[in-house]
């Protein structure tokens, strides 16, 4: 850029930039960039976001230079473009839900189980069902009715046409046999 180019006014630099002399636009940015930065700093406090907004403003100004109507001065127009960019950033941020960073995820236990837990539960259920199947018939019926179908002792006794004491005794013995069978398998 020559000294003579720097002496031109904004309108002349805009015309030359539109004619293909891109260094004229660079001169406009160098001339009005600090004012733009000062204005946007009040709207965009985050330094990284501020740089993004300024770069977007320069890009929009470059691509929209042909729409400049010379009714206002270039600095006012550039700051207007920058303000719109800052507002656009604000709208995007406002629409996005933000969640605070969680330092310790273990504080928030999940309500669902992990695949490992689901597999272990499934294996345990299968082992218990196999152990119930191996019980003698008279004990198996009592366990199925009381423990799996969750019937009361009285309902089970009525279903089996047996006394309450007989159902209680068989349930106690069936549970003891199941416990022994499951402990034997585990060992």
Protein backbone atom coordinates (compact mmCIF):
# COMPACT_ATOMS: atom_id res chain seq x y z
CA UNK A 1 0.00 0.00 0.00
CA UNK A 2 1.47 3.28 -0.97
CA UNK A 3 1.34 6.54 0.98
CA UNK A 4 -0.88 7.98 -1.71
CA UNK A 5 -3.48 5.23 -1.17
CA UNK A 6 -3.53 5.94 2.55
CA UNK A 7 -4.44 9.55 1.85
CA UNK A 8 -7.69 8.63 0.10
CA UNK A 9 -11.00 8.97 1.88
CA UNK A 10 -13.21 6.03 2.78
CA UNK A 11 -15.51 6.46 -0.24
CA UNK A 12 -12.58 6.34 -2.66
CA UNK A 13 -11.07 3.32 -0.90
CA UNK A 14 -14.42 1.52 -1.12
CA UNK A 15 -14.63 2.21 -4.86
CA UNK A 16 -11.08 0.95 -5.42
CA UNK A 17 -11.75 -2.17 -3.29
CA UNK A 18 -14.84 -2.90 -5.36
CA UNK A 19 -12.72 -2.45 -8.49
CA UNK A 20 -10.45 -5.28 -7.30
CA UNK A 21 -7.77 -3.52 -5.26
CA UNK A 22 -8.12 -5.64 -2.11
CA UNK A 23 -5.37 -3.75 -0.27
CA UNK A 24 -7.79 -0.81 -0.11
CA UNK A 25 -10.19 -2.88 1.97
CA UNK A 26 -7.29 -3.83 4.24
CA UNK A 27 -6.61 -0.13 4.71
CA UNK A 28 -10.26 0.47 5.63
CA UNK A 29 -10.07 -2.33 8.19
CA UNK A 30 -6.82 -0.96 9.64
CA UNK A 31 -8.42 2.47 9.85
CA UNK A 32 -11.72 1.44 11.47
CA UNK A 33 -10.88 -1.90 13.13
CA UNK A 34 -9.86 -0.40 16.50
CA UNK A 35 -13.15 1.53 16.80
CA UNK A 36 -15.05 -1.65 15.92
CA UNK A 37 -13.11 -3.62 18.55
CA UNK A 38 -13.79 -0.99 21.23
CA UNK A 39 -17.51 -0.98 20.46
CA UNK A 40 -17.85 -4.77 20.38
CA UNK A 41 -15.80 -5.27 23.55
CA UNK A 42 -18.75 -3.82 25.48
CA UNK A 43 -21.14 -6.31 23.84
CA UNK A 44 -18.95 -9.43 23.81
CA UNK A 45 -16.90 -9.75 27.01
CA UNK A 46 -15.30 -13.11 26.14
CA UNK A 47 -12.04 -12.50 24.24
CA UNK A 48 -12.35 -15.60 22.01
CA UNK A 49 -15.94 -14.77 21.12
CA UNK A 50 -14.92 -11.17 20.46
CA UNK A 51 -12.29 -12.28 17.95
CA UNK A 52 -14.84 -14.51 16.22
CA UNK A 53 -17.37 -11.70 16.00
CA UNK A 54 -14.75 -9.30 14.61
CA UNK A 55 -13.63 -11.80 11.98
CA UNK A 56 -17.23 -12.49 10.99
CA UNK A 57 -17.84 -8.75 10.78
CA UNK A 58 -14.86 -8.26 8.45
CA UNK A 59 -16.05 -11.16 6.27
CA UNK A 60 -19.60 -9.82 6.06
CA UNK A 61 -18.30 -6.33 5.37
CA UNK A 62 -16.11 -7.64 2.57
CA UNK A 63 -18.90 -9.65 0.96
CA UNK A 64 -21.46 -6.90 1.57
CA UNK A 65 -19.26 -4.01 0.48
CA UNK A 66 -21.19 -3.65 -2.75
CA UNK A 67 -24.37 -2.98 -0.71
CA UNK A 68 -22.80 0.01 1.06
CA UNK A 69 -24.94 3.03 0.09
CA UNK A 70 -22.72 5.94 1.21
CA UNK A 71 -25.60 7.39 3.28
CA UNK A 72 -23.61 6.85 6.47
CA UNK A 73 -19.89 6.82 6.89
CA UNK A 74 -18.06 3.50 6.58
CA UNK A 75 -17.19 3.29 10.30
CA UNK A 76 -20.86 3.56 11.29
CA UNK A 77 -21.81 0.90 8.75
CA UNK A 78 -18.99 -1.42 9.90
CA UNK A 79 -19.97 -1.02 13.56
CA UNK A 80 -23.59 -1.73 12.63
CA UNK A 81 -22.55 -4.96 10.91
CA UNK A 82 -20.45 -5.87 13.98
CA UNK A 83 -23.31 -5.14 16.38
CA UNK A 84 -25.58 -7.40 14.36
CA UNK A 85 -22.97 -10.15 14.51
CA UNK A 86 -22.70 -9.77 18.30
CA UNK A 87 -26.49 -9.98 18.62
CA UNK A 88 -26.53 -13.06 16.42
CA UNK A 89 -23.97 -14.70 18.71
CA UNK A 90 -26.08 -13.78 21.72
CA UNK A 91 -29.22 -15.27 20.13
CA UNK A 92 -27.42 -18.51 19.33
CA UNK A 93 -26.08 -18.77 22.85
CA UNK A 94 -29.45 -17.98 24.37
CA UNK A 95 -31.13 -20.73 22.35
CA UNK A 96 -28.56 -23.33 23.34
CA UNK A 97 -29.10 -24.96 26.69
CA UNK A 98 -26.04 -24.81 28.85
CA UNK A 99 -25.26 -27.10 31.71
CA UNK A 100 -22.62 -26.50 34.33
CA UNK A 101 -19.58 -28.71 34.08
CA UNK A 102 -19.78 -31.70 36.37
CA UNK A 103 -16.52 -32.43 38.09
CA UNK A 104 -17.50 -35.72 39.71
CA UNK A 105 -19.88 -37.87 37.69
CA UNK A 106 -19.97 -40.50 40.44
CA UNK A 107 -22.17 -38.14 42.48
CA UNK A 108 -24.98 -38.79 40.01
CA UNK A 109 -25.82 -42.48 40.04
CA UNK A 110 -27.70 -43.75 37.05
CA UNK A 111 -31.12 -45.26 37.43
CA UNK A 112 -30.43 -47.85 34.76
CA UNK A 113 -28.03 -50.70 35.09
CA UNK A 114 -24.89 -51.23 33.11
CA UNK A 115 -24.64 -54.04 30.55
CA UNK A 116 -22.41 -55.92 32.98
CA UNK A 117 -25.00 -55.61 35.76
CA UNK A 118 -27.81 -56.70 33.42
CA UNK A 119 -25.80 -59.76 32.36
CA UNK A 120 -24.98 -60.66 35.97
CA UNK A 121 -28.64 -60.30 36.97
CA UNK A 122 -29.72 -62.47 34.04
CA UNK A 123 -27.17 -65.15 34.94
CA UNK A 124 -28.27 -65.14 38.58
CA UNK A 125 -31.92 -65.45 37.57
CA UNK A 126 -31.07 -68.42 35.33
CA UNK A 127 -29.10 -70.14 38.09
CA UNK A 128 -31.97 -69.68 40.57
CA UNK A 129 -34.54 -70.99 38.09
CA UNK A 130 -32.41 -74.07 37.31
CA UNK A 131 -31.99 -74.71 41.04
CA UNK A 132 -35.76 -74.43 41.55
CA UNK A 133 -36.34 -76.90 38.69
CA UNK A 134 -34.09 -79.47 40.45
CA UNK A 135 -36.09 -79.31 43.71
CA UNK A 136 -38.44 -82.18 44.49
CA UNK A 137 -41.97 -81.46 43.24
CA UNK A 138 -43.55 -80.87 46.70
CA UNK A 139 -40.93 -78.21 47.55
CA UNK A 140 -40.86 -76.65 44.11
CA UNK A 141 -44.63 -75.96 44.17
CA UNK A 142 -44.38 -74.13 47.50
CA UNK A 143 -41.42 -71.98 46.37
CA UNK A 144 -43.06 -71.09 43.07
CA UNK A 145 -46.32 -70.05 44.73
CA UNK A 146 -44.81 -68.17 47.70
CA UNK A 147 -41.63 -66.66 46.28
CA UNK A 148 -42.16 -66.32 42.54
CA UNK A 149 -45.90 -65.66 42.42
CA UNK A 150 -45.75 -63.83 45.79
CA UNK A 151 -48.75 -65.53 47.32
CA UNK A 152 -49.28 -65.64 51.07
CA UNK A 153 -48.83 -68.80 53.12
CA UNK A 154 -52.63 -69.04 53.50
CA UNK A 155 -53.22 -68.69 49.72
CA UNK A 156 -50.54 -71.30 49.03
CA UNK A 157 -52.07 -73.71 51.57
CA UNK A 158 -55.49 -73.27 49.97
CA UNK A 159 -54.05 -73.82 46.46
CA UNK A 160 -52.23 -77.01 47.51
CA UNK A 161 -54.98 -78.30 49.86
CA UNK A 162 -52.43 -78.41 52.67
CA UNK A 163 -52.21 -77.10 56.22
CA UNK A 164 -50.45 -73.83 57.06
CA UNK A 165 -47.80 -75.61 59.11
CA UNK A 166 -47.05 -78.02 56.26
CA UNK A 167 -46.61 -75.10 53.79
CA UNK A 168 -44.35 -73.25 56.26
CA UNK A 169 -42.20 -76.33 56.81
CA UNK A 170 -41.87 -77.11 53.11
CA UNK A 171 -41.07 -73.46 52.29
CA UNK A 172 -38.36 -73.39 54.98
CA UNK A 173 -36.82 -76.66 53.70
CA UNK A 174 -37.11 -75.59 50.04
CA UNK A 175 -35.31 -72.31 50.72
CA UNK A 176 -32.58 -74.13 52.64
CA UNK A 177 -32.11 -76.58 49.74
CA UNK A 178 -31.99 -73.69 47.25
CA UNK A 179 -29.45 -71.83 49.34
CA UNK A 180 -27.26 -74.90 49.58
CA UNK A 181 -27.53 -75.60 45.85
CA UNK A 182 -26.68 -72.00 44.91
CA UNK A 183 -23.77 -71.81 47.37
CA UNK A 184 -22.44 -75.11 46.04
CA UNK A 185 -22.60 -73.81 42.46
CA UNK A 186 -20.89 -70.55 43.41
CA UNK A 187 -18.00 -72.37 45.06
